[in-house]
Amino acid sequence: MTWIYALDLFGTFVFAISGVLTAIHKKFDIVGAIIIGIVTAVGGGTLRDLLIGETPVSWMKDLNYFIVILLAVLISYIFRISILKLRKSMFFFDTLGIGLFTILGLQKTLSFGLAIPIALLMGIVSAVFGGVIRDVLTNVVPLIFRKEIYATACLIGGLVFLGLDQISDLLNLNMMISMLVVVVIRYVSVRHQWSLNYSRKE
């Protein structure tokens, strides 16, 4: 579907910018920034494809993904200050990206005949593990291991998609609703500082 492909490329672009900006902040050289941009953008999907046995991995079969990542590197360096002023917008696009990658990863895993729990797990891997690899390589505690609601939003969005898929044949609508669930949960949880962290008062 054309709109899904376009969103997938856009999500890859936004994730790559996120990785490059992190690398610039950590004072990496341009080669390091390119590497961090690549692993942030396609690391989760690459890990998913390797785990479910699809090789070459999907982004290697479509040069557009690599072009988008290189474009993100170029734009990040040229317009770094302007992009940093759009942090709220970048947060929204990043959240939209994890919603999209969750559902796409889930669908792809199901198409390989794997069980629903595995598909849910692979959806989360697709969405968040590029960021995990980025954070590990840049010596930052990965967001998924902090108290923010992140992977949980992906899990709920995936469950919503599976539920809708049982009662509706409108795939596009099911995907949009599920993605919206991820975006809303992530946005509201950050805005109100919700977390799953349990702190016990002594």
N, C-alpha and C. Protein backbone atom coordinates (compact mmCIF):
# COMPACT_ATOMS: atom_id res chain seq x y z
N MET A 1 0.84 -1.19 0.00
CA MET A 1 0.00 0.00 0.00
C MET A 1 0.88 1.24 0.00
N THR A 2 0.57 2.14 -0.93
CA THR A 2 1.43 3.30 -1.16
C THR A 2 1.59 4.16 0.08
N TRP A 3 0.48 4.42 0.80
CA TRP A 3 0.57 5.32 1.95
C TRP A 3 1.39 4.70 3.08
N ILE A 4 1.31 3.38 3.21
CA ILE A 4 2.10 2.70 4.24
C ILE A 4 3.59 2.76 3.89
N TYR A 5 3.89 2.55 2.62
CA TYR A 5 5.28 2.62 2.16
C TYR A 5 5.85 4.02 2.38
N ALA A 6 5.04 5.04 2.06
CA ALA A 6 5.47 6.42 2.25
C ALA A 6 5.71 6.71 3.73
N LEU A 7 4.81 6.25 4.59
CA LEU A 7 4.98 6.45 6.02
C LEU A 7 6.20 5.69 6.55
N ASP A 8 6.43 4.52 6.00
CA ASP A 8 7.58 3.72 6.41
C ASP A 8 8.88 4.46 6.09
N LEU A 9 8.96 5.03 4.89
CA LEU A 9 10.13 5.81 4.51
C LEU A 9 10.26 7.05 5.40
N PHE A 10 9.13 7.68 5.69
CA PHE A 10 9.16 8.88 6.53
C PHE A 10 9.60 8.53 7.95
N GLY A 11 9.09 7.42 8.47
CA GLY A 11 9.52 6.96 9.80
C GLY A 11 11.01 6.66 9.83
N THR A 12 11.51 6.04 8.77
CA THR A 12 12.94 5.77 8.66
C THR A 12 13.73 7.07 8.66
N PHE A 13 13.24 8.06 7.94
CA PHE A 13 13.88 9.38 7.86
C PHE A 13 13.95 10.05 9.23
N VAL A 14 12.83 10.04 9.96
CA VAL A 14 12.77 10.68 11.28
C VAL A 14 13.67 9.96 12.27
N PHE A 15 13.65 8.64 12.26
CA PHE A 15 14.50 7.88 13.16
C PHE A 15 15.98 8.13 12.86
N ALA A 16 16.31 8.23 11.57
CA ALA A 16 17.69 8.49 11.19
C ALA A 16 18.14 9.86 11.70
N ILE A 17 17.28 10.87 11.58
CA ILE A 17 17.60 12.20 12.11
C ILE A 17 17.84 12.13 13.61
N SER A 18 16.98 11.38 14.31
CA SER A 18 17.14 11.22 15.75
C SER A 18 18.51 10.64 16.09
N GLY A 19 18.92 9.64 15.32
CA GLY A 19 20.22 9.02 15.56
C GLY A 19 21.37 9.96 15.25
N VAL A 20 21.28 10.69 14.15
CA VAL A 20 22.35 11.60 13.76
C VAL A 20 22.49 12.74 14.77
N LEU A 21 21.38 13.30 15.23
CA LEU A 21 21.43 14.38 16.21
C LEU A 21 22.07 13.90 17.51
N THR A 22 21.77 12.66 17.90
CA THR A 22 22.42 12.09 19.10
C THR A 22 23.92 11.98 18.89
N ALA A 23 24.31 11.52 17.69
CA ALA A 23 25.74 11.39 17.39
C ALA A 23 26.44 12.73 17.38
N ILE A 24 25.80 13.75 16.82
CA ILE A 24 26.38 15.09 16.80
C ILE A 24 26.54 15.61 18.23
N HIS A 25 25.51 15.38 19.05
CA HIS A 25 25.56 15.82 20.44
C HIS A 25 26.72 15.15 21.19
N LYS A 26 26.99 13.90 20.83
CA LYS A 26 28.08 13.16 21.46
C LYS A 26 29.44 13.43 20.80
N LYS A 27 29.43 14.37 19.81
CA LYS A 27 30.65 14.78 19.11
C LYS A 27 31.28 13.65 18.29
N PHE A 28 30.45 12.80 17.68
CA PHE A 28 30.95 11.79 16.76
C PHE A 28 31.35 12.48 15.45
N ASP A 29 32.25 11.85 14.70
CA ASP A 29 32.56 12.38 13.37
C ASP A 29 31.45 11.96 12.40
N ILE A 30 31.56 12.38 11.15
CA ILE A 30 30.47 12.16 10.20
C ILE A 30 30.26 10.67 9.91
N VAL A 31 31.34 9.90 9.92
CA VAL A 31 31.20 8.44 9.70
C VAL A 31 30.42 7.82 10.86
N GLY A 32 30.78 8.22 12.07
CA GLY A 32 30.06 7.72 13.24
C GLY A 32 28.60 8.14 13.20
N ALA A 33 28.33 9.38 12.76
CA ALA A 33 26.95 9.87 12.68
C ALA A 33 26.14 9.07 11.67
N ILE A 34 26.76 8.74 10.54
CA ILE A 34 26.07 7.93 9.52
C ILE A 34 25.73 6.56 10.09
N ILE A 35 26.67 5.95 10.78
CA ILE A 35 26.45 4.62 11.36
C ILE A 35 25.32 4.67 12.39
N ILE A 36 25.35 5.69 13.27
CA ILE A 36 24.30 5.81 14.28
C ILE A 36 22.95 6.08 13.62
N GLY A 37 22.95 6.90 12.57
CA GLY A 37 21.71 7.15 11.84
C GLY A 37 21.13 5.88 11.23
N ILE A 38 22.00 5.05 10.66
CA ILE A 38 21.54 3.80 10.03
C ILE A 38 20.97 2.84 11.07
N VAL A 39 21.69 2.62 12.17
CA VAL A 39 21.23 1.64 13.15
C VAL A 39 19.94 2.12 13.84
N THR A 40 19.80 3.44 14.01
CA THR A 40 18.58 3.95 14.61
C THR A 40 17.39 3.74 13.69
N ALA A 41 17.61 3.99 12.40
CA ALA A 41 16.52 3.93 11.43
C ALA A 41 16.08 2.51 11.11
N VAL A 42 17.03 1.60 10.95
CA VAL A 42 16.67 0.26 10.47
C VAL A 42 17.10 -0.86 11.40
N GLY A 43 17.66 -0.50 12.58
CA GLY A 43 18.14 -1.54 13.49
C GLY A 43 17.05 -2.47 13.96
N GLY A 44 15.90 -1.91 14.33
CA GLY A 44 14.80 -2.75 14.81
C GLY A 44 14.27 -3.67 13.74
N GLY A 45 14.06 -3.14 12.53
CA GLY A 45 13.58 -3.97 11.43
C GLY A 45 14.57 -5.03 11.02
N THR A 46 15.85 -4.68 11.08
CA THR A 46 16.90 -5.65 10.73
C THR A 46 16.91 -6.81 11.72
N LEU A 47 16.85 -6.50 13.01
CA LEU A 47 16.82 -7.54 14.03
C LEU A 47 15.59 -8.42 13.87
N ARG A 48 14.45 -7.80 13.61
CA ARG A 48 13.20 -8.58 13.39
C ARG A 48 13.36 -9.54 12.22
N ASP A 49 13.85 -9.04 11.08
CA ASP A 49 13.98 -9.87 9.89
C ASP A 49 14.94 -11.03 10.13
N LEU A 50 16.04 -10.76 10.83
CA LEU A 50 16.99 -11.84 11.13
C LEU A 50 16.36 -12.90 12.02
N LEU A 51 15.57 -12.47 12.99
CA LEU A 51 14.95 -13.41 13.93
C LEU A 51 13.87 -14.26 13.27
N ILE A 52 13.15 -13.68 12.30
CA ILE A 52 12.09 -14.46 11.65
C ILE A 52 12.59 -15.16 10.39
N GLY A 53 13.87 -14.95 10.05
CA GLY A 53 14.48 -15.70 8.95
C GLY A 53 14.30 -15.12 7.57
N GLU A 54 14.14 -13.79 7.47
CA GLU A 54 14.05 -13.17 6.15
C GLU A 54 15.36 -12.47 5.82
N THR A 55 16.08 -13.03 4.85
CA THR A 55 17.32 -12.41 4.39
C THR A 55 17.35 -12.44 2.87
N PRO A 56 17.97 -11.43 2.23
CA PRO A 56 18.48 -10.20 2.84
C PRO A 56 17.36 -9.44 3.55
N VAL A 57 17.73 -8.67 4.57
CA VAL A 57 16.73 -7.92 5.33
C VAL A 57 16.08 -6.88 4.42
N SER A 58 14.88 -6.44 4.79
CA SER A 58 14.03 -5.68 3.88
C SER A 58 14.67 -4.41 3.34
N TRP A 59 15.40 -3.64 4.17
CA TRP A 59 15.94 -2.38 3.68
C TRP A 59 17.06 -2.57 2.67
N MET A 60 17.69 -3.75 2.67
CA MET A 60 18.74 -4.02 1.70
C MET A 60 18.18 -4.31 0.31
N LYS A 61 16.88 -4.60 0.24
CA LYS A 61 16.25 -4.90 -1.05
C LYS A 61 15.60 -3.68 -1.68
N ASP A 62 15.69 -2.55 -1.01
CA ASP A 62 15.08 -1.32 -1.51
C ASP A 62 16.03 -0.16 -1.24
N LEU A 63 16.68 0.34 -2.28
CA LEU A 63 17.69 1.38 -2.14
C LEU A 63 17.11 2.69 -1.59
N ASN A 64 15.80 2.87 -1.70
CA ASN A 64 15.18 4.11 -1.22
C ASN A 64 15.42 4.33 0.27
N TYR A 65 15.48 3.24 1.04
CA TYR A 65 15.71 3.38 2.48
C TYR A 65 17.10 3.95 2.75
N PHE A 66 18.09 3.47 2.00
CA PHE A 66 19.45 3.96 2.19
C PHE A 66 19.56 5.42 1.76
N ILE A 67 18.88 5.77 0.67
CA ILE A 67 18.88 7.16 0.19
C ILE A 67 18.25 8.07 1.23
N VAL A 68 17.14 7.63 1.82
CA VAL A 68 16.45 8.42 2.84
C VAL A 68 17.35 8.66 4.05
N ILE A 69 18.10 7.63 4.45
CA ILE A 69 19.00 7.75 5.59
C ILE A 69 20.12 8.75 5.30
N LEU A 70 20.71 8.67 4.12
CA LEU A 70 21.77 9.61 3.75
C LEU A 70 21.23 11.03 3.68
N LEU A 71 20.00 11.18 3.19
CA LEU A 71 19.37 12.49 3.14
C LEU A 71 19.16 13.04 4.55
N ALA A 72 18.79 12.15 5.46
CA ALA A 72 18.58 12.55 6.86
C ALA A 72 19.90 13.03 7.48
N VAL A 73 21.00 12.35 7.15
CA VAL A 73 22.31 12.76 7.65
C VAL A 73 22.65 14.17 7.15
N LEU A 74 22.45 14.39 5.86
CA LEU A 74 22.76 15.68 5.26
C LEU A 74 21.93 16.79 5.88
N ILE A 75 20.63 16.56 5.99
CA ILE A 75 19.73 17.57 6.55
C ILE A 75 20.05 17.84 8.01
N SER A 76 20.40 16.80 8.74
CA SER A 76 20.72 16.96 10.17
C SER A 76 21.91 17.88 10.38
N TYR A 77 22.91 17.77 9.50
CA TYR A 77 24.08 18.62 9.64
C TYR A 77 23.81 20.05 9.18
N ILE A 78 23.06 20.19 8.09
CA ILE A 78 22.83 21.52 7.54
C ILE A 78 21.83 22.32 8.38
N PHE A 79 20.78 21.63 8.85
CA PHE A 79 19.70 22.33 9.54
C PHE A 79 19.60 21.92 11.01
N ARG A 80 20.73 21.58 11.61
CA ARG A 80 20.73 21.05 12.98
C ARG A 80 20.03 21.99 13.96
N ILE A 81 20.36 23.26 13.92
CA ILE A 81 19.78 24.22 14.87
C ILE A 81 18.27 24.34 14.68
N SER A 82 17.85 24.41 13.42
CA SER A 82 16.41 24.52 13.14
C SER A 82 15.66 23.28 13.59
N ILE A 83 16.27 22.10 13.38
CA ILE A 83 15.61 20.85 13.77
C ILE A 83 15.48 20.77 15.29
N LEU A 84 16.52 21.20 16.00
CA LEU A 84 16.48 21.15 17.46
C LEU A 84 15.37 22.04 18.02
N LYS A 85 15.02 23.09 17.29
CA LYS A 85 13.92 23.96 17.71
C LYS A 85 12.56 23.28 17.54
N LEU A 86 12.55 22.20 16.76
CA LEU A 86 11.30 21.48 16.50
C LEU A 86 11.22 20.20 17.31
N ARG A 87 11.75 20.22 18.51
CA ARG A 87 11.81 18.99 19.32
C ARG A 87 10.44 18.38 19.55
N LYS A 88 9.44 19.23 19.79
CA LYS A 88 8.09 18.71 20.03
C LYS A 88 7.55 18.03 18.78
N SER A 89 7.82 18.62 17.63
CA SER A 89 7.38 18.01 16.38
C SER A 89 8.11 16.70 16.13
N MET A 90 9.42 16.68 16.43
CA MET A 90 10.20 15.46 16.25
C MET A 90 9.71 14.36 17.18
N PHE A 91 9.30 14.75 18.39
CA PHE A 91 8.75 13.77 19.31
C PHE A 91 7.49 13.15 18.73
N PHE A 92 6.63 13.99 18.14
CA PHE A 92 5.40 13.48 17.54
C PHE A 92 5.70 12.52 16.40
N PHE A 93 6.63 12.92 15.51
CA PHE A 93 6.95 12.07 14.37
C PHE A 93 7.61 10.76 14.82
N ASP A 94 8.45 10.84 15.85
CA ASP A 94 9.08 9.65 16.40
C ASP A 94 8.02 8.70 16.95
N THR A 95 7.03 9.27 17.63
CA THR A 95 5.95 8.45 18.19
C THR A 95 5.11 7.84 17.09
N LEU A 96 4.85 8.63 16.04
CA LEU A 96 4.13 8.09 14.89
C LEU A 96 4.92 6.94 14.27
N GLY A 97 6.24 7.10 14.23
CA GLY A 97 7.10 6.05 13.67
C GLY A 97 7.03 4.75 14.45
N ILE A 98 7.07 4.83 15.79
CA ILE A 98 7.02 3.59 16.56
C ILE A 98 5.65 2.92 16.42
N GLY A 99 4.59 3.74 16.28
CA GLY A 99 3.26 3.16 16.05
C GLY A 99 3.22 2.41 14.73
N LEU A 100 3.75 3.03 13.69
CA LEU A 100 3.76 2.39 12.37
C LEU A 100 4.61 1.13 12.37
N PHE A 101 5.83 1.22 12.91
CA PHE A 101 6.74 0.08 12.87
C PHE A 101 6.24 -1.08 13.72
N THR A 102 5.51 -0.76 14.80
CA THR A 102 4.92 -1.82 15.61
C THR A 102 3.95 -2.66 14.79
N ILE A 103 3.05 -1.99 14.10
CA ILE A 103 2.02 -2.70 13.33
C ILE A 103 2.62 -3.42 12.13
N LEU A 104 3.54 -2.77 11.43
CA LEU A 104 4.17 -3.41 10.27
C LEU A 104 4.97 -4.64 10.70
N GLY A 105 5.69 -4.52 11.82
CA GLY A 105 6.47 -5.67 12.30
C GLY A 105 5.58 -6.81 12.73
N LEU A 106 4.47 -6.47 13.38
CA LEU A 106 3.51 -7.49 13.81
C LEU A 106 2.92 -8.22 12.60
N GLN A 107 2.47 -7.43 11.60
CA GLN A 107 1.89 -8.02 10.40
C GLN A 107 2.87 -8.93 9.68
N LYS A 108 4.11 -8.46 9.55
CA LYS A 108 5.10 -9.24 8.82
C LYS A 108 5.39 -10.56 9.51
N THR A 109 5.46 -10.54 10.82
CA THR A 109 5.74 -11.76 11.57
C THR A 109 4.58 -12.75 11.44
N LEU A 110 3.35 -12.24 11.50
CA LEU A 110 2.18 -13.12 11.31
C LEU A 110 2.18 -13.75 9.94
N SER A 111 2.65 -12.99 8.93
CA SER A 111 2.67 -13.52 7.56
C SER A 111 3.65 -14.68 7.42
N PHE A 112 4.59 -14.81 8.36
CA PHE A 112 5.53 -15.93 8.36
C PHE A 112 4.98 -17.13 9.13
N GLY A 113 3.73 -17.01 9.58
CA GLY A 113 3.08 -18.12 10.26
C GLY A 113 3.47 -18.31 11.71
N LEU A 114 4.06 -17.29 12.31
CA LEU A 114 4.47 -17.40 13.70
C LEU A 114 3.32 -17.04 14.64
N ALA A 115 3.44 -17.45 15.90
CA ALA A 115 2.37 -17.29 16.87
C ALA A 115 2.16 -15.81 17.22
N ILE A 116 0.95 -15.51 17.68
CA ILE A 116 0.58 -14.13 18.01
C ILE A 116 1.52 -13.51 19.06
N PRO A 117 1.84 -14.21 20.16
CA PRO A 117 2.76 -13.59 21.14
C PRO A 117 4.11 -13.22 20.53
N ILE A 118 4.62 -14.08 19.63
CA ILE A 118 5.89 -13.78 18.96
C ILE A 118 5.72 -12.58 18.03
N ALA A 119 4.59 -12.50 17.35
CA ALA A 119 4.33 -11.38 16.46
C ALA A 119 4.28 -10.06 17.23
N LEU A 120 3.65 -10.09 18.40
CA LEU A 120 3.61 -8.89 19.24
C LEU A 120 5.02 -8.48 19.66
N LEU A 121 5.82 -9.46 20.05
CA LEU A 121 7.19 -9.18 20.46
C LEU A 121 8.00 -8.60 19.31
N MET A 122 7.83 -9.17 18.11
CA MET A 122 8.56 -8.67 16.96
C MET A 122 8.10 -7.28 16.55
N GLY A 123 6.81 -6.98 16.78
CA GLY A 123 6.33 -5.62 16.54
C GLY A 123 7.03 -4.61 17.42
N ILE A 124 7.20 -4.96 18.69
CA ILE A 124 7.90 -4.08 19.63
C ILE A 124 9.37 -3.97 19.25
N VAL A 125 9.99 -5.09 18.89
CA VAL A 125 11.39 -5.07 18.46
C VAL A 125 11.56 -4.13 17.26
N SER A 126 10.67 -4.22 16.30
CA SER A 126 10.74 -3.37 15.11
C SER A 126 10.71 -1.90 15.48
N ALA A 127 9.89 -1.57 16.47
CA ALA A 127 9.65 -0.18 16.82
C ALA A 127 10.74 0.43 17.69
N VAL A 128 11.26 -0.33 18.63
CA VAL A 128 12.10 0.30 19.67
C VAL A 128 13.57 -0.10 19.65
N PHE A 129 13.94 -1.18 18.98
CA PHE A 129 15.31 -1.65 19.13
C PHE A 129 16.33 -0.86 18.32
N GLY A 130 15.88 -0.11 17.32
CA GLY A 130 16.81 0.81 16.67
C GLY A 130 17.28 1.85 17.67
N GLY A 131 16.34 2.36 18.49
CA GLY A 131 16.68 3.32 19.53
C GLY A 131 17.54 2.70 20.62
N VAL A 132 17.29 1.45 20.94
CA VAL A 132 18.12 0.76 21.94
C VAL A 132 19.56 0.66 21.47
N ILE A 133 19.75 0.25 20.22
CA ILE A 133 21.11 0.13 19.68
C ILE A 133 21.79 1.49 19.65
N ARG A 134 21.04 2.52 19.22
CA ARG A 134 21.59 3.89 19.21
C ARG A 134 22.07 4.29 20.60
N ASP A 135 21.24 4.07 21.59
CA ASP A 135 21.58 4.50 22.95
C ASP A 135 22.76 3.72 23.51
N VAL A 136 22.81 2.44 23.23
CA VAL A 136 23.94 1.63 23.71
C VAL A 136 25.25 2.12 23.07
N LEU A 137 25.22 2.39 21.77
CA LEU A 137 26.43 2.82 21.07
C LEU A 137 26.87 4.22 21.48
N THR A 138 25.92 5.03 21.96
CA THR A 138 26.27 6.39 22.38
C THR A 138 26.35 6.53 23.90
N ASN A 139 26.36 5.39 24.58
CA ASN A 139 26.55 5.35 26.04
C ASN A 139 25.44 6.09 26.80
N VAL A 140 24.20 5.81 26.40
CA VAL A 140 23.02 6.37 27.07
C VAL A 140 22.16 5.20 27.52
N VAL A 141 21.53 5.33 28.69
CA VAL A 141 20.60 4.28 29.13
C VAL A 141 19.41 4.25 28.17
N PRO A 142 19.16 3.13 27.50
CA PRO A 142 18.07 3.08 26.52
C PRO A 142 16.72 3.47 27.11
N LEU A 143 15.93 4.18 26.31
CA LEU A 143 14.64 4.69 26.76
C LEU A 143 13.72 3.56 27.23
N ILE A 144 13.84 2.40 26.58
CA ILE A 144 12.96 1.27 26.92
C ILE A 144 13.23 0.77 28.34
N PHE A 145 14.43 1.06 28.88
CA PHE A 145 14.79 0.61 30.22
C PHE A 145 14.55 1.67 31.28
N ARG A 146 14.08 2.83 30.84
CA ARG A 146 13.76 3.88 31.80
C ARG A 146 12.28 3.80 32.15
N LYS A 147 11.83 4.72 32.99
CA LYS A 147 10.48 4.58 33.53
C LYS A 147 9.37 5.06 32.60
N GLU A 148 9.74 5.70 31.49
CA GLU A 148 8.71 6.20 30.57
C GLU A 148 7.93 5.05 29.94
N ILE A 149 6.66 5.32 29.64
CA ILE A 149 5.83 4.34 28.93
C ILE A 149 6.18 4.42 27.46
N TYR A 150 6.83 3.38 26.96
CA TYR A 150 7.35 3.39 25.59
C TYR A 150 6.97 2.08 24.89
N ALA A 151 7.63 0.99 25.28
CA ALA A 151 7.30 -0.29 24.70
C ALA A 151 5.87 -0.71 25.04
N THR A 152 5.40 -0.28 26.21
CA THR A 152 4.04 -0.62 26.63
C THR A 152 3.01 -0.04 25.67
N ALA A 153 3.27 1.18 25.18
CA ALA A 153 2.37 1.80 24.20
C ALA A 153 2.33 0.97 22.92
N CYS A 154 3.48 0.45 22.51
CA CYS A 154 3.54 -0.40 21.32
C CYS A 154 2.76 -1.70 21.54
N LEU A 155 2.91 -2.28 22.73
CA LEU A 155 2.20 -3.51 23.04
C LEU A 155 0.69 -3.32 22.99
N ILE A 156 0.20 -2.24 23.59
CA ILE A 156 -1.24 -1.98 23.60
C ILE A 156 -1.73 -1.73 22.17
N GLY A 157 -0.96 -0.96 21.40
CA GLY A 157 -1.34 -0.72 20.01
C GLY A 157 -1.41 -2.01 19.21
N GLY A 158 -0.46 -2.91 19.45
CA GLY A 158 -0.47 -4.20 18.77
C GLY A 158 -1.68 -5.04 19.15
N LEU A 159 -2.03 -5.03 20.44
CA LEU A 159 -3.22 -5.78 20.89
C LEU A 159 -4.50 -5.21 20.29
N VAL A 160 -4.55 -3.88 20.18
CA VAL A 160 -5.72 -3.25 19.56
C VAL A 160 -5.84 -3.68 18.10
N PHE A 161 -4.71 -3.70 17.40
CA PHE A 161 -4.74 -4.12 15.99
C PHE A 161 -5.23 -5.56 15.85
N LEU A 162 -4.72 -6.44 16.71
CA LEU A 162 -5.14 -7.85 16.65
C LEU A 162 -6.63 -7.98 16.93
N GLY A 163 -7.13 -7.19 17.89
CA GLY A 163 -8.56 -7.23 18.19
C GLY A 163 -9.39 -6.72 17.03
N LEU A 164 -8.98 -5.62 16.43
CA LEU A 164 -9.72 -5.06 15.30
C LEU A 164 -9.69 -6.00 14.10
N ASP A 165 -8.56 -6.68 13.93
CA ASP A 165 -8.41 -7.60 12.80
C ASP A 165 -9.39 -8.77 12.88
N GLN A 166 -9.83 -9.08 14.09
CA GLN A 166 -10.79 -10.17 14.27
C GLN A 166 -12.22 -9.77 13.93
N ILE A 167 -12.50 -8.47 13.97
CA ILE A 167 -13.89 -8.03 13.78
C ILE A 167 -14.07 -7.15 12.54
N SER A 168 -12.98 -6.80 11.87
CA SER A 168 -13.09 -5.91 10.73
C SER A 168 -12.10 -6.30 9.64
N ASP A 169 -12.54 -6.20 8.38
CA ASP A 169 -11.66 -6.48 7.24
C ASP A 169 -11.05 -5.21 6.67
N LEU A 170 -11.29 -4.08 7.33
CA LEU A 170 -10.78 -2.79 6.84
C LEU A 170 -9.35 -2.59 7.35
N LEU A 171 -8.40 -3.17 6.64
CA LEU A 171 -7.01 -3.19 7.11
C LEU A 171 -6.45 -1.79 7.32
N ASN A 172 -6.68 -0.91 6.34
CA ASN A 172 -6.15 0.45 6.46
C ASN A 172 -6.67 1.15 7.71
N LEU A 173 -7.98 1.03 7.94
CA LEU A 173 -8.58 1.67 9.11
C LEU A 173 -8.06 1.04 10.40
N ASN A 174 -7.93 -0.28 10.40
CA ASN A 174 -7.41 -0.97 11.58
C ASN A 174 -6.00 -0.49 11.93
N MET A 175 -5.19 -0.32 10.88
CA MET A 175 -3.81 0.13 11.10
C MET A 175 -3.79 1.56 11.64
N MET A 176 -4.59 2.42 11.05
CA MET A 176 -4.60 3.82 11.49
C MET A 176 -5.07 3.96 12.93
N ILE A 177 -6.10 3.21 13.29
CA ILE A 177 -6.60 3.26 14.66
C ILE A 177 -5.54 2.75 15.64
N SER A 178 -4.90 1.66 15.29
CA SER A 178 -3.88 1.07 16.17
C SER A 178 -2.68 2.00 16.32
N MET A 179 -2.25 2.61 15.22
CA MET A 179 -1.16 3.58 15.28
C MET A 179 -1.55 4.76 16.16
N LEU A 180 -2.80 5.22 16.01
CA LEU A 180 -3.27 6.35 16.81
C LEU A 180 -3.26 6.02 18.30
N VAL A 181 -3.60 4.78 18.63
CA VAL A 181 -3.58 4.34 20.03
C VAL A 181 -2.17 4.48 20.60
N VAL A 182 -1.16 4.03 19.83
CA VAL A 182 0.23 4.15 20.28
C VAL A 182 0.61 5.61 20.49
N VAL A 183 0.27 6.45 19.51
CA VAL A 183 0.61 7.88 19.58
C VAL A 183 -0.03 8.54 20.79
N VAL A 184 -1.33 8.27 21.01
CA VAL A 184 -2.06 8.90 22.11
C VAL A 184 -1.50 8.46 23.45
N ILE A 185 -1.28 7.15 23.62
CA ILE A 185 -0.75 6.65 24.89
C ILE A 185 0.62 7.23 25.18
N ARG A 186 1.47 7.24 24.17
CA ARG A 186 2.83 7.78 24.35
C ARG A 186 2.79 9.28 24.67
N TYR A 187 1.98 10.01 23.93
CA TYR A 187 1.92 11.47 24.13
C TYR A 187 1.36 11.80 25.51
N VAL A 188 0.25 11.19 25.86
CA VAL A 188 -0.40 11.49 27.13
C VAL A 188 0.48 11.07 28.30
N SER A 189 1.16 9.93 28.18
CA SER A 189 2.00 9.46 29.28
C SER A 189 3.19 10.39 29.52
N VAL A 190 3.76 10.93 28.44
CA VAL A 190 4.88 11.87 28.59
C VAL A 190 4.37 13.20 29.13
N ARG A 191 3.25 13.67 28.59
CA ARG A 191 2.71 14.96 29.02
C ARG A 191 2.37 14.96 30.51
N HIS A 192 1.83 13.83 30.99
CA HIS A 192 1.41 13.76 32.40
C HIS A 192 2.42 13.01 33.27
N GLN A 193 3.55 12.65 32.65
CA GLN A 193 4.64 11.97 33.37
C GLN A 193 4.17 10.67 34.02
N TRP A 194 3.36 9.92 33.27
CA TRP A 194 2.96 8.60 33.75
C TRP A 194 4.11 7.63 33.55
N SER A 195 4.17 6.62 34.39
CA SER A 195 5.18 5.59 34.22
C SER A 195 4.70 4.32 34.89
N LEU A 196 5.41 3.23 34.59
CA LEU A 196 5.13 1.94 35.22
C LEU A 196 6.10 1.67 36.36
N ASN A 197 6.85 2.70 36.71
CA ASN A 197 7.87 2.56 37.75
C ASN A 197 7.20 2.46 39.12
N TYR A 198 7.60 1.45 39.87
CA TYR A 198 7.07 1.28 41.22
C TYR A 198 8.11 1.73 42.22
N SER A 199 7.80 2.76 42.93
CA SER A 199 8.73 3.23 43.97
C SER A 199 8.08 3.08 45.32
N ARG A 200 8.74 2.37 46.17
CA ARG A 200 8.20 2.07 47.47
C ARG A 200 8.74 3.04 48.51
N LYS A 201 7.85 3.67 49.22
CA LYS A 201 8.28 4.61 50.25
C LYS A 201 8.68 3.84 51.51
N GLU A 202 9.83 4.23 52.04
CA GLU A 202 10.33 3.56 53.24
C GLU A 202 9.60 4.13 54.46
